[in-house]
Protein backbone atom coordinates (compact mmCIF):
# COMPACT_ATOMS: atom_id res chain seq x y z
CA MET A 1 -1.51 -24.48 -3.56
CA SER A 2 -2.55 -22.79 -6.80
CA THR A 3 -1.30 -19.34 -7.82
CA LYS A 4 -4.80 -17.88 -7.48
CA LYS A 5 -5.12 -19.18 -3.90
CA CYS A 6 -1.64 -17.81 -3.02
CA ILE A 7 -2.61 -14.36 -4.28
CA VAL A 8 -5.83 -14.45 -2.25
CA VAL A 9 -3.91 -15.50 0.89
CA VAL A 10 -1.35 -12.69 0.38
CA CYS A 11 -4.19 -10.15 -0.08
CA VAL A 12 -5.91 -11.30 3.11
CA VAL A 13 -2.64 -11.11 5.08
CA ILE A 14 -1.97 -7.57 3.83
CA LEU A 15 -5.50 -6.45 4.68
CA LEU A 16 -5.15 -7.93 8.17
CA LEU A 17 -1.81 -6.16 8.68
CA VAL A 18 -3.32 -2.85 7.56
CA ALA A 19 -6.26 -3.39 9.92
CA VAL A 20 -3.91 -4.14 12.84
CA VAL A 21 -1.86 -1.02 12.13
CA ASN A 22 -5.03 1.06 11.88
CA VAL A 23 -6.35 -0.33 15.17
CA ASN A 24 -3.08 -0.16 17.12
CA GLY A 25 -1.54 2.82 15.34
CA LYS A 26 1.65 2.56 17.42
CA ARG A 27 4.48 5.05 17.02
CA GLY A 28 7.56 5.38 19.15
CA ARG A 29 8.01 3.59 22.44
CA GLY A 30 4.68 3.06 24.20
CA LYS A 31 2.85 5.90 22.42
CA THR A 32 -0.36 5.17 20.58
CA ARG A 33 -2.39 7.16 18.12
CA SER A 34 -5.98 6.45 17.29
CA LYS A 35 -5.75 7.13 13.56
CA ASN A 36 -3.02 5.95 11.23
CA LYS A 37 -3.60 6.22 7.49
CA ILE A 38 -1.74 3.95 5.13
CA GLN A 39 -1.90 4.52 1.42
CA ILE A 40 -1.51 1.53 -0.83
CA GLY A 41 -0.14 2.36 -4.28
CA LEU A 42 -0.10 -0.20 -7.08
CA PRO A 43 -2.34 -3.22 -7.10
CA ILE A 44 -0.57 -6.38 -5.91
CA THR A 45 -0.68 -7.82 -9.42
CA GLY A 46 1.05 -4.73 -10.90
CA LYS A 47 -1.68 -4.57 -13.56
CA TYR A 48 -4.29 -1.86 -13.93
CA ARG A 49 -8.01 -2.38 -14.36
CA ASP A 50 -8.30 -0.33 -17.53
CA PRO A 51 -5.95 0.51 -20.43
CA GLU A 52 -6.18 4.28 -19.78
CA SER A 53 -4.69 3.88 -16.30
CA ASP A 54 -1.96 1.61 -17.63
CA GLN A 55 -1.11 4.12 -20.37
CA TYR A 56 -1.08 7.00 -17.84
CA TYR A 57 1.17 5.37 -15.25
CA ASN A 58 3.50 3.73 -17.78
CA HIS A 59 3.95 6.69 -20.16
CA ASN A 60 7.54 6.84 -21.48
CA ASP A 61 7.91 10.56 -20.62
CA GLY A 62 6.00 10.30 -17.35
CA ALA A 63 7.48 11.11 -13.96
CA LYS A 64 9.34 8.12 -12.48
CA ILE A 65 11.16 8.00 -9.16
CA ILE A 66 14.48 6.32 -9.93
CA MET A 67 16.11 6.53 -6.49
CA ALA A 68 14.63 6.93 -3.00
CA SER A 69 15.53 6.42 0.64
CA HIS A 70 14.79 3.14 2.43
CA PHE A 71 11.15 2.46 3.32
CA ASP A 72 11.64 1.82 7.05
CA TYR A 73 13.78 4.36 8.92
CA GLU A 74 14.47 4.51 12.65
CA TYR A 75 15.98 7.77 13.89
CA VAL A 76 17.42 8.81 17.23
CA LEU A 77 15.60 11.63 19.00
CA GLY A 78 17.51 14.89 18.60
CA HIS A 79 19.40 13.74 15.49
CA LYS A 80 18.88 14.72 11.86
CA ILE A 81 16.44 12.79 9.63
CA ILE A 82 17.16 12.78 5.89
CA PHE A 83 15.04 11.50 3.00
CA VAL A 84 16.15 11.61 -0.66
CA CYS A 85 14.09 11.29 -3.81
CA VAL A 86 15.41 11.42 -7.41
CA ALA A 87 12.97 11.50 -10.32
CA ARG A 88 13.13 11.72 -14.11
CA GLY A 89 10.66 12.65 -16.81
CA ASP A 90 10.07 14.92 -19.79
CA PRO A 91 9.23 17.61 -18.84
CA ARG A 92 11.32 17.45 -15.65
CA PRO A 93 9.02 16.45 -12.75
CA GLN A 94 8.28 18.47 -9.64
CA ILE A 95 8.71 16.77 -6.27
CA THR A 96 6.31 17.41 -3.39
CA TRP A 97 6.77 16.05 0.15
CA PHE A 98 3.97 14.78 2.41
CA LYS A 99 3.75 13.56 6.01
CA ASP A 100 0.83 11.32 6.97
CA GLY A 101 -0.96 12.34 3.76
CA VAL A 102 -0.64 16.11 4.33
CA GLU A 103 1.63 18.27 2.17
CA LEU A 104 4.65 19.62 4.06
CA TYR A 105 5.01 23.36 4.10
CA TYR A 106 7.72 25.51 5.68
CA HIS A 107 8.51 24.59 9.26
CA TYR A 108 11.43 25.77 11.37
CA ASN A 109 13.08 22.34 11.46
CA HIS A 110 12.03 21.04 7.98
CA HIS A 111 14.27 21.97 5.05
CA VAL A 112 13.87 20.90 1.42
CA HIS A 113 16.82 21.15 -0.99
CA GLU A 114 16.49 20.55 -4.74
CA TRP A 115 19.00 20.06 -7.55
CA LYS A 116 18.24 19.91 -11.27
CA LEU A 117 20.24 17.09 -12.85
CA GLY A 118 20.51 17.42 -16.61
CA VAL A 119 17.39 18.23 -18.61
CA ASP A 120 15.08 15.51 -17.29
CA ARG A 121 16.01 14.74 -13.67
CA ILE A 122 15.57 16.34 -10.27
CA LYS A 123 16.91 15.43 -6.83
CA SER A 124 15.08 16.50 -3.69
CA LYS A 125 16.25 16.08 -0.11
CA LEU A 126 14.07 16.55 2.96
CA GLU A 127 16.00 17.26 6.18
CA ILE A 128 14.41 17.37 9.61
CA ASP A 129 16.76 18.66 12.29
CA PRO A 130 16.43 17.90 15.14
CA GLY A 131 14.16 14.84 14.95
CA THR A 132 11.43 14.85 17.60
CA GLN A 133 8.70 12.40 18.64
CA MET A 134 6.24 14.36 16.49
CA ASP A 135 8.32 13.55 13.38
CA ALA A 136 7.45 9.83 13.52
CA GLY A 137 5.03 8.85 10.77
CA VAL A 138 4.76 8.06 7.08
CA TYR A 139 6.52 10.44 4.69
CA GLU A 140 6.02 10.44 0.96
CA CYS A 141 7.71 12.06 -2.01
CA SER A 142 5.51 12.60 -5.05
CA ALA A 143 7.01 13.30 -8.48
CA ASP A 144 4.67 14.57 -11.15
CA ASN A 145 4.76 16.06 -14.63
CA ASN A 146 2.29 16.42 -17.52
CA TYR A 147 2.11 12.66 -18.08
CA SER A 148 2.09 10.82 -14.76
CA ILE A 149 2.67 10.77 -11.01
CA ASP A 150 4.98 8.45 -9.09
CA ARG A 151 5.18 8.20 -5.29
CA ARG A 152 7.42 6.59 -2.68
CA SER A 153 6.64 6.23 1.01
CA PHE A 154 9.00 6.18 3.98
CA LYS A 155 7.91 4.95 7.42
CA THR A 156 9.72 6.51 10.38
CA ASP A 157 9.87 5.72 14.04
CA PHE A 158 12.18 6.93 16.77
CA SER A 159 14.49 5.40 19.31
CA ILE A 160 16.12 6.92 22.35
CA ALA A 161 19.91 6.93 22.60
CA PHE A 162 21.26 6.16 26.07
CA GLU A 163 24.74 7.31 26.99
CA SER A 164 26.91 4.71 28.70
């Protein structure tokens, strides 16, 4: 099979998976939601359609996330959920947290801690304690500065711990 056909097949499979997730929208055990938004970042090829976009996203001083938590995270109800995001850039980026596409603001069980590392790095940690069914979803950290924006997503789902 040619490379072009393989890319087309991969694109079709991804679109079908996104459609299935959007139709089923399952979270947790047996719960369903009617709307589940998934944001797709870079094009599959890793190339941009125009040189301006390529220059923006690949700027040497632009915000880049250099370390982040795992994409798929299963937490136990009642336990702490932790996400970490470390970014670099000049000037030092700011990190903003989102859940299901909506910016996270103060909440009694959501805590954000930040540390400045040197002159060009920042570490941000999102803690959710205790984790509830409502905390299942897609989280995202977004690092941005004057030159570019970089984002990482984290999918979460819960499990129930049974004592033996």
